[in-house]
Amino acid sequence: MGIILRYILRELGTTFLVGFVVFTGLLLIVGVIRQAMEEDLPWLSIVQIIPFIFAEMCSISLPVSLLLAVTIFFSRISGNNEIVALKALGIPPSAFLVPVFVIALIISVIGFRINELAITEGRQGISAVIYYSAEDILIKKLKRTQRFDSDDNQITILVQGVDDQRLLIKPTIILKRESITIEAETAQITIDFQADSLKVDLVDVRLIGAISGRFPHWYHEITLSEFVPKKADIRPSNMGLNKIKEEQEKTEEQMGQQRRVIAAHRTFAAVMGSVDAWRSPEMTDAQAKMRSLQNRLTRLSVEPPRRWATGFCCFFFVWLGAPVSIWLRKPDFFSSFFACFLPILILYYPLFMFGLDQAKNGALPPICVWTANAAIGLIGLWFLRQIHRY
């Protein structure tokens, strides 16, 4: 067994590492280019986000690299009749399979931790880099498109141009929340990160809307995080597992408060005998908040099993890929790889997305995100029985 184990580690490990480096490198290039184009990042910021994107790309390339390594390894030894030779010596295929499954299990745990790291550190890191590059991003986008909108579309900056000194030419700032439009001949933007402030110094100003008039000089201050969020948003998919538990408790407490508000409105309506009280704006608003909180709690409950299921897809890919490669008995590993990857592409990912969507909607329990892994596991079990029987 020691010889077999060393043989597996040498052959499987080499292929896995090469595949992992290649797949991760390609995904990293694509991810960095996509992020740079979406945010108009300067070169220094592009370099700074590489480590944060790397963690997320690793979580994607890990299962594919492992599946590729396993199919190459087992296609070769099966096509060269090494499995047949082992059976003739009274050694079952499990002598090769069990160590590989254990390795896949260990890599699955590592993959889960990498995925968690990509969420807690990677996405927060990307948001921080974008935040501290806000001035370069803003000026670059205004030069290119003459327009910049805040994330909530409540603030819009329009310009006719930007000169070499970063001076805005004929800017128009539309503040939808305050119902004010500011027009000026020129403007200079400065950013104070400590105060989370974007400061605009305008010259020859005309105000239109809630406040009207002409002024030779106007100074306006905007919250910077309205343009470029400092942190990743608070969706459950962007939270660490330790934060999800805290958020669940907080959401349950808010739901309890809303239940008491709804109960008070219903009691008042019953005592007064008023049908209209059941449809009052306060009652409607409380019920809408309750539905929103329930939906958030459901999504928070789905997130932990989803991450475990995503992390352990490495194990189930190997669970399917290893016996299929042995069963095919083809030295051509491309045939084995696509024979494994095709059902994963056709069956695993649609099933996973279906289970995830239904669980998020509350139609199915959160554990249903494991449906895709279970389906791949059952198919792999059938092939395992076949190679042990014949």
Protein backbone atom coordinates (compact mmCIF):
# COMPACT_ATOMS: atom_id res chain seq x y z
CA MET A 1 0.00 0.00 0.00
CA GLY A 2 2.92 2.37 0.67
CA ILE A 3 4.18 1.91 -2.88
CA ILE A 4 0.70 2.45 -4.32
CA LEU A 5 0.16 5.56 -2.19
CA ARG A 6 3.48 7.12 -3.26
CA TYR A 7 2.68 6.27 -6.88
CA ILE A 8 -0.74 7.96 -6.61
CA LEU A 9 0.65 11.06 -4.92
CA ARG A 10 3.42 11.46 -7.50
CA GLU A 11 1.30 10.92 -10.60
CA LEU A 12 -1.88 12.60 -9.41
CA GLY A 13 -0.15 15.48 -7.63
CA THR A 14 1.94 16.52 -10.62
CA THR A 15 -1.01 16.64 -13.00
CA PHE A 16 -3.21 18.37 -10.46
CA LEU A 17 -0.68 21.12 -9.76
CA VAL A 18 -0.06 21.79 -13.46
CA GLY A 19 -3.79 21.92 -14.20
CA PHE A 20 -4.47 24.10 -11.16
CA VAL A 21 -1.80 26.63 -12.15
CA VAL A 22 -3.02 26.77 -15.78
CA PHE A 23 -6.75 27.02 -14.98
CA THR A 24 -6.23 29.52 -12.16
CA GLY A 25 -3.94 31.65 -14.31
CA LEU A 26 -6.45 31.81 -17.15
CA LEU A 27 -9.36 32.58 -14.83
CA LEU A 28 -7.29 35.20 -13.02
CA ILE A 29 -6.50 37.00 -16.26
CA VAL A 30 -10.17 36.99 -17.26
CA GLY A 31 -11.29 38.11 -13.79
CA VAL A 32 -8.79 40.96 -13.57
CA ILE A 33 -9.62 42.21 -17.08
CA ARG A 34 -13.37 42.07 -16.36
CA GLN A 35 -13.02 43.94 -13.06
CA ALA A 36 -10.70 46.53 -14.58
CA MET A 37 -13.08 47.20 -17.48
CA GLU A 38 -16.18 47.40 -15.28
CA GLU A 39 -14.64 49.85 -12.81
CA ASP A 40 -12.19 51.71 -15.10
CA LEU A 41 -9.40 50.92 -12.65
CA PRO A 42 -5.94 52.53 -12.96
CA TRP A 43 -2.92 50.24 -13.34
CA LEU A 44 -1.85 50.43 -9.70
CA SER A 45 -5.33 49.39 -8.53
CA ILE A 46 -5.37 46.52 -11.03
CA VAL A 47 -2.17 45.18 -9.46
CA GLN A 48 -3.64 45.60 -5.97
CA ILE A 49 -6.81 43.59 -6.66
CA ILE A 50 -4.95 40.57 -8.12
CA PRO A 51 -4.47 38.78 -4.75
CA PHE A 52 -8.16 39.26 -3.89
CA ILE A 53 -9.40 37.96 -7.22
CA PHE A 54 -6.91 35.08 -7.02
CA ALA A 55 -8.72 33.57 -4.01
CA GLU A 56 -12.06 33.56 -5.84
CA MET A 57 -10.56 32.08 -8.99
CA CYS A 58 -8.92 29.30 -6.93
CA SER A 59 -12.31 28.17 -5.65
CA ILE A 60 -13.50 27.79 -9.27
CA SER A 61 -10.40 26.10 -10.71
CA LEU A 62 -9.90 23.64 -7.84
CA PRO A 63 -12.67 21.10 -8.70
CA VAL A 64 -11.99 21.24 -12.45
CA SER A 65 -8.24 20.72 -11.94
CA LEU A 66 -8.84 17.80 -9.61
CA LEU A 67 -11.30 16.18 -12.02
CA LEU A 68 -8.80 16.58 -14.87
CA ALA A 69 -5.97 15.04 -12.81
CA VAL A 70 -8.10 12.08 -11.73
CA THR A 71 -9.37 11.29 -15.23
CA ILE A 72 -5.84 11.49 -16.68
CA PHE A 73 -4.47 9.22 -13.96
CA PHE A 74 -7.19 6.55 -14.05
CA SER A 75 -7.55 6.63 -17.85
CA ARG A 76 -3.85 5.86 -18.20
CA ILE A 77 -3.63 3.04 -15.64
CA SER A 78 -6.91 1.51 -16.79
CA GLY A 79 -6.03 1.78 -20.50
CA ASN A 80 -2.65 0.15 -19.78
CA ASN A 81 -4.45 -2.70 -17.96
CA GLU A 82 -2.82 -1.89 -14.63
CA ILE A 83 -6.20 -2.28 -12.90
CA VAL A 84 -6.60 -5.73 -14.51
CA ALA A 85 -3.13 -6.67 -13.30
CA LEU A 86 -4.03 -5.61 -9.76
CA LYS A 87 -7.21 -7.70 -9.86
CA ALA A 88 -5.21 -10.72 -11.07
CA LEU A 89 -3.01 -10.30 -7.97
CA GLY A 90 -6.10 -10.21 -5.77
CA ILE A 91 -5.91 -6.45 -5.15
CA PRO A 92 -9.28 -4.72 -5.65
CA PRO A 93 -9.60 -1.32 -7.42
CA SER A 94 -10.30 0.21 -4.02
CA ALA A 95 -6.54 0.10 -3.36
CA PHE A 96 -6.29 2.98 -5.84
CA LEU A 97 -9.70 4.54 -5.24
CA VAL A 98 -9.74 4.92 -1.46
CA PRO A 99 -6.52 7.03 -1.26
CA VAL A 100 -7.79 9.21 -4.11
CA PHE A 101 -11.14 9.69 -2.35
CA VAL A 102 -9.35 10.65 0.86
CA ILE A 103 -7.22 13.17 -1.06
CA ALA A 104 -10.39 14.57 -2.68
CA LEU A 105 -12.00 14.89 0.75
CA ILE A 106 -9.02 16.84 2.07
CA ILE A 107 -8.98 19.11 -0.99
CA SER A 108 -12.74 19.68 -0.56
CA VAL A 109 -12.17 21.01 2.95
CA ILE A 110 -9.38 23.22 1.59
CA GLY A 111 -11.69 24.37 -1.20
CA PHE A 112 -14.37 25.28 1.32
CA ARG A 113 -11.87 27.35 3.30
CA ILE A 114 -10.61 29.07 0.12
CA ASN A 115 -14.18 29.90 -0.87
CA GLU A 116 -14.81 31.36 2.58
CA LEU A 117 -11.60 33.37 2.33
CA ALA A 118 -12.63 34.67 -1.10
CA ILE A 119 -15.93 35.89 0.37
CA THR A 120 -14.70 37.38 3.64
CA GLU A 121 -11.38 38.81 2.48
CA GLY A 122 -11.42 38.77 -1.32
CA ARG A 123 -14.64 40.69 -1.99
CA GLN A 124 -14.04 43.09 0.87
CA GLY A 125 -10.51 43.66 -0.44
CA ILE A 126 -11.74 44.38 -3.97
CA SER A 127 -14.30 46.86 -2.61
CA ALA A 128 -11.61 48.58 -0.54
CA VAL A 129 -9.25 48.92 -3.53
CA ILE A 130 -12.06 50.38 -5.65
CA TYR A 131 -13.02 52.77 -2.83
CA TYR A 132 -9.53 54.14 -2.40
CA SER A 133 -9.18 54.50 -6.17
CA ALA A 134 -12.41 56.49 -6.34
CA GLU A 135 -10.88 59.73 -7.63
CA ASP A 136 -9.00 58.01 -10.47
CA ILE A 137 -12.08 55.94 -11.35
CA LEU A 138 -14.35 59.00 -11.33
CA ILE A 139 -12.05 61.15 -13.49
CA LYS A 140 -11.32 58.31 -15.91
CA LYS A 141 -15.01 57.55 -16.40
CA LEU A 142 -15.90 61.21 -16.84
CA LYS A 143 -13.18 61.54 -19.50
CA ARG A 144 -14.41 58.48 -21.31
CA THR A 145 -18.21 58.76 -21.08
CA GLN A 146 -18.78 62.34 -19.72
CA ARG A 147 -21.11 60.78 -17.10
CA PHE A 148 -20.93 59.17 -13.68
CA ASP A 149 -23.87 57.79 -11.64
CA SER A 150 -24.01 56.80 -7.99
CA ASP A 151 -24.88 53.19 -7.13
CA ASP A 152 -28.44 54.14 -6.14
CA ASN A 153 -28.85 56.43 -9.20
CA GLN A 154 -29.71 59.35 -6.90
CA ILE A 155 -26.67 61.42 -7.98
CA THR A 156 -25.47 62.01 -11.52
CA ILE A 157 -22.46 64.02 -12.71
CA LEU A 158 -22.36 65.15 -16.35
CA VAL A 159 -19.47 67.05 -17.95
CA GLN A 160 -18.50 68.32 -21.38
CA GLY A 161 -14.87 67.44 -20.74
CA VAL A 162 -12.00 67.08 -18.27
CA ASP A 163 -8.73 68.96 -18.80
CA ASP A 164 -5.19 67.80 -17.98
CA GLN A 165 -5.41 69.29 -14.46
CA ARG A 166 -8.51 67.20 -13.72
CA LEU A 167 -10.70 70.30 -13.92
CA LEU A 168 -14.30 69.51 -14.94
CA ILE A 169 -15.54 71.60 -17.89
CA LYS A 170 -19.20 72.74 -17.74
CA PRO A 171 -20.28 70.16 -15.15
CA THR A 172 -23.89 69.40 -14.25
CA ILE A 173 -24.62 67.66 -10.95
CA ILE A 174 -28.13 66.22 -10.57
CA LEU A 175 -29.16 65.55 -6.95
CA LYS A 176 -32.43 63.64 -7.29
CA ARG A 177 -32.95 63.20 -3.54
CA GLU A 178 -32.74 66.97 -2.91
CA SER A 179 -34.44 67.85 -6.24
CA ILE A 180 -31.56 70.17 -7.15
CA THR A 181 -29.55 70.53 -10.36
CA ILE A 182 -26.22 72.34 -10.17
CA GLU A 183 -24.72 73.77 -13.36
CA ALA A 184 -21.30 75.43 -13.46
CA GLU A 185 -18.56 76.60 -15.81
CA THR A 186 -15.83 74.60 -14.07
CA ALA A 187 -15.44 72.38 -11.01
CA GLN A 188 -12.66 70.73 -9.08
CA ILE A 189 -13.12 67.42 -7.25
CA THR A 190 -11.20 66.42 -4.12
CA ILE A 191 -11.71 63.36 -1.95
CA ASP A 192 -11.33 63.04 1.82
CA PHE A 193 -11.26 59.32 2.64
CA GLN A 194 -11.19 59.87 6.41
CA ALA A 195 -14.41 61.90 6.23
CA ASP A 196 -15.88 59.62 3.52
CA SER A 197 -16.46 62.78 1.51
CA LEU A 198 -16.37 63.79 -2.14
CA LYS A 199 -15.96 67.59 -2.26
CA VAL A 200 -16.87 69.59 -5.35
CA ASP A 201 -15.68 73.20 -5.71
CA LEU A 202 -17.73 74.90 -8.46
CA VAL A 203 -17.26 78.25 -10.21
CA ASP A 204 -19.98 80.41 -11.88
CA VAL A 205 -22.84 78.31 -10.58
CA ARG A 206 -26.52 78.14 -11.45
CA LEU A 207 -28.92 76.23 -9.14
CA ILE A 208 -32.20 74.84 -10.47
CA GLY A 209 -34.96 73.11 -8.48
CA ALA A 210 -35.71 73.27 -4.75
CA ILE A 211 -33.04 76.01 -4.51
CA SER A 212 -32.65 78.44 -7.42
CA GLY A 213 -30.22 81.23 -8.16
CA ARG A 214 -26.83 82.20 -9.53
CA PHE A 215 -23.62 82.28 -7.49
CA PRO A 216 -20.01 83.05 -8.43
CA HIS A 217 -18.84 80.19 -6.26
CA TRP A 218 -20.50 77.12 -4.75
CA TYR A 219 -19.12 74.34 -2.59
CA HIS A 220 -20.92 71.00 -2.38
CA GLU A 221 -20.07 67.88 -0.40
CA ILE A 222 -21.29 64.35 -1.25
CA THR A 223 -20.90 61.17 0.77
CA LEU A 224 -18.22 59.22 -1.08
CA SER A 225 -19.64 55.79 -0.27
CA GLU A 226 -22.77 56.75 -2.24
CA PHE A 227 -20.57 56.67 -5.36
CA VAL A 228 -18.11 53.92 -4.50
CA PRO A 229 -19.06 51.56 -1.64
CA LYS A 230 -16.22 51.08 0.85
CA LYS A 231 -17.37 47.58 1.73
CA ALA A 232 -19.01 44.76 -0.16
CA ASP A 233 -22.80 44.88 0.17
CA ILE A 234 -24.60 43.07 2.97
CA ARG A 235 -26.10 40.29 0.88
CA PRO A 236 -25.77 36.88 2.57
CA SER A 237 -23.53 35.68 -0.26
CA ASN A 238 -20.96 38.33 0.72
CA MET A 239 -20.91 37.47 4.43
CA GLY A 240 -18.62 35.14 6.31
CA LEU A 241 -20.26 32.21 8.10
CA ASN A 242 -19.48 33.77 11.48
CA LYS A 243 -21.35 36.92 10.45
CA ILE A 244 -24.30 34.97 9.07
CA LYS A 245 -25.15 33.58 12.52
CA GLU A 246 -25.14 37.10 13.99
CA GLU A 247 -27.25 38.39 11.12
CA GLN A 248 -29.77 35.55 11.59
CA GLU A 249 -30.23 36.46 15.25
CA LYS A 250 -30.58 40.15 14.35
CA THR A 251 -33.16 39.37 11.63
CA GLU A 252 -35.17 37.11 13.97
CA GLU A 253 -35.25 39.90 16.55
CA GLN A 254 -36.49 42.36 13.91
CA MET A 255 -39.15 39.85 12.84
CA GLY A 256 -40.29 39.58 16.45
CA GLN A 257 -40.70 43.36 16.60
CA GLN A 258 -42.71 43.37 13.37
CA ARG A 259 -44.93 40.56 14.68
CA ARG A 260 -45.74 42.66 17.74
CA VAL A 261 -46.51 45.67 15.51
CA ILE A 262 -48.84 43.58 13.32
CA ALA A 263 -50.50 42.05 16.40
CA ALA A 264 -51.10 45.53 17.84
CA HIS A 265 -52.71 46.71 14.58
CA ARG A 266 -54.91 43.62 14.41
CA THR A 267 -55.98 44.03 18.03
CA PHE A 268 -56.86 47.66 17.40
CA ALA A 269 -58.85 46.72 14.28
CA ALA A 270 -60.74 43.98 16.17
CA VAL A 271 -61.57 46.23 19.11
CA MET A 272 -62.71 49.10 16.89
CA GLY A 273 -64.51 46.79 14.49
CA SER A 274 -62.92 48.65 11.60
CA VAL A 275 -62.36 46.77 8.35
CA ASP A 276 -60.32 49.68 6.95
CA ALA A 277 -57.79 49.33 9.77
CA TRP A 278 -56.73 45.98 8.33
CA ARG A 279 -55.75 47.76 5.11
CA SER A 280 -54.18 50.86 6.68
CA PRO A 281 -50.79 52.10 5.35
CA GLU A 282 -49.16 51.20 8.68
CA MET A 283 -50.49 47.64 8.49
CA THR A 284 -49.45 47.26 4.84
CA ASP A 285 -45.97 48.62 5.59
CA ALA A 286 -45.53 46.28 8.58
CA GLN A 287 -46.56 43.25 6.52
CA ALA A 288 -44.19 44.24 3.69
CA LYS A 289 -41.32 44.57 6.18
CA MET A 290 -42.21 41.19 7.63
CA ARG A 291 -42.09 39.54 4.19
CA SER A 292 -38.74 41.22 3.46
CA LEU A 293 -37.27 40.02 6.76
CA GLN A 294 -38.59 36.49 6.19
CA ASN A 295 -37.03 36.42 2.75
CA ARG A 296 -33.70 37.61 4.18
CA LEU A 297 -33.81 34.99 6.94
CA THR A 298 -34.46 32.28 4.35
CA ARG A 299 -31.48 33.41 2.27
CA LEU A 300 -29.28 33.51 5.37
CA SER A 301 -30.33 29.95 6.21
CA VAL A 302 -29.47 28.75 2.70
CA GLU A 303 -25.97 30.21 2.62
CA PRO A 304 -24.11 27.78 5.00
CA PRO A 305 -25.27 24.56 3.27
CA ARG A 306 -24.67 26.16 -0.12
CA ARG A 307 -21.03 26.86 0.73
CA TRP A 308 -20.45 23.38 2.11
CA ALA A 309 -22.08 21.86 -0.98
CA THR A 310 -19.94 24.04 -3.27
CA GLY A 311 -16.76 23.14 -1.40
CA PHE A 312 -17.45 19.40 -1.44
CA CYS A 313 -18.19 19.30 -5.16
CA CYS A 314 -14.45 18.44 -5.46
CA PHE A 315 -15.10 15.14 -3.71
CA PHE A 316 -18.19 14.28 -5.76
CA PHE A 317 -16.46 15.15 -9.04
CA VAL A 318 -13.73 12.65 -8.14
CA TRP A 319 -16.35 10.16 -6.92
CA LEU A 320 -17.77 10.19 -10.46
CA GLY A 321 -14.61 10.76 -12.49
CA ALA A 322 -12.47 7.96 -11.05
CA PRO A 323 -14.84 4.99 -11.65
CA VAL A 324 -15.98 6.31 -15.04
CA SER A 325 -12.36 6.56 -16.22
CA ILE A 326 -11.68 2.98 -15.06
CA TRP A 327 -14.90 1.70 -16.62
CA LEU A 328 -14.15 3.28 -20.02
CA ARG A 329 -10.63 1.74 -20.14
CA LYS A 330 -9.38 4.28 -22.71
CA PRO A 331 -5.84 5.65 -22.57
CA ASP A 332 -7.18 8.79 -24.28
CA PHE A 333 -7.95 10.91 -21.22
CA PHE A 334 -9.89 13.47 -23.28
CA SER A 335 -12.67 10.93 -23.79
CA SER A 336 -12.79 10.16 -20.08
CA PHE A 337 -12.65 13.79 -19.04
CA PHE A 338 -15.52 14.82 -21.30
CA ALA A 339 -17.48 11.67 -20.39
CA CYS A 340 -17.32 12.92 -16.78
CA PHE A 341 -17.57 16.63 -17.42
CA LEU A 342 -20.61 16.34 -19.72
CA PRO A 343 -22.99 14.93 -17.06
CA ILE A 344 -21.57 17.46 -14.60
CA LEU A 345 -22.31 20.25 -17.07
CA ILE A 346 -25.74 18.93 -18.03
CA LEU A 347 -26.88 17.52 -14.69
CA TYR A 348 -24.87 18.96 -11.80
CA TYR A 349 -24.99 22.70 -12.47
CA PRO A 350 -28.69 22.89 -13.54
CA LEU A 351 -29.67 20.80 -10.50
CA PHE A 352 -27.55 22.93 -8.21
CA MET A 353 -29.05 26.18 -9.54
CA PHE A 354 -32.57 24.74 -9.32
CA GLY A 355 -32.09 23.63 -5.72
CA LEU A 356 -30.47 26.95 -4.80
CA ASP A 357 -33.24 29.06 -6.37
CA GLN A 358 -36.00 26.98 -4.77
CA ALA A 359 -34.30 27.10 -1.37
CA LYS A 360 -33.83 30.89 -1.59
CA ASN A 361 -37.51 31.28 -2.47
CA GLY A 362 -38.49 29.13 0.52
CA ALA A 363 -40.17 26.50 -1.68
CA LEU A 364 -37.67 23.80 -0.59
CA PRO A 365 -35.59 23.37 2.59
CA PRO A 366 -31.99 24.65 2.51
CA ILE A 367 -30.56 21.12 2.46
CA CYS A 368 -31.83 20.80 -1.13
CA VAL A 369 -28.72 22.64 -2.34
CA TRP A 370 -27.02 19.25 -1.91
CA THR A 371 -29.33 17.68 -4.54
CA ALA A 372 -26.76 18.06 -7.33
CA ASN A 373 -24.01 16.45 -5.23
CA ALA A 374 -26.36 13.61 -4.31
CA ALA A 375 -27.24 12.99 -7.98
CA ILE A 376 -23.57 12.85 -9.00
CA GLY A 377 -22.90 10.61 -5.99
CA LEU A 378 -25.57 8.10 -7.05
CA ILE A 379 -24.24 7.93 -10.61
CA GLY A 380 -20.71 7.46 -9.30
CA LEU A 381 -21.92 4.71 -6.96
CA TRP A 382 -23.40 2.80 -9.90
CA PHE A 383 -20.08 2.95 -11.77
CA LEU A 384 -18.21 1.88 -8.63
CA ARG A 385 -20.39 -1.23 -8.41
CA GLN A 386 -19.70 -1.98 -12.06
CA ILE A 387 -15.91 -1.81 -11.83
CA HIS A 388 -15.84 -3.94 -8.66
CA ARG A 389 -18.21 -6.51 -10.11
CA TYR A 390 -16.45 -6.89 -13.47
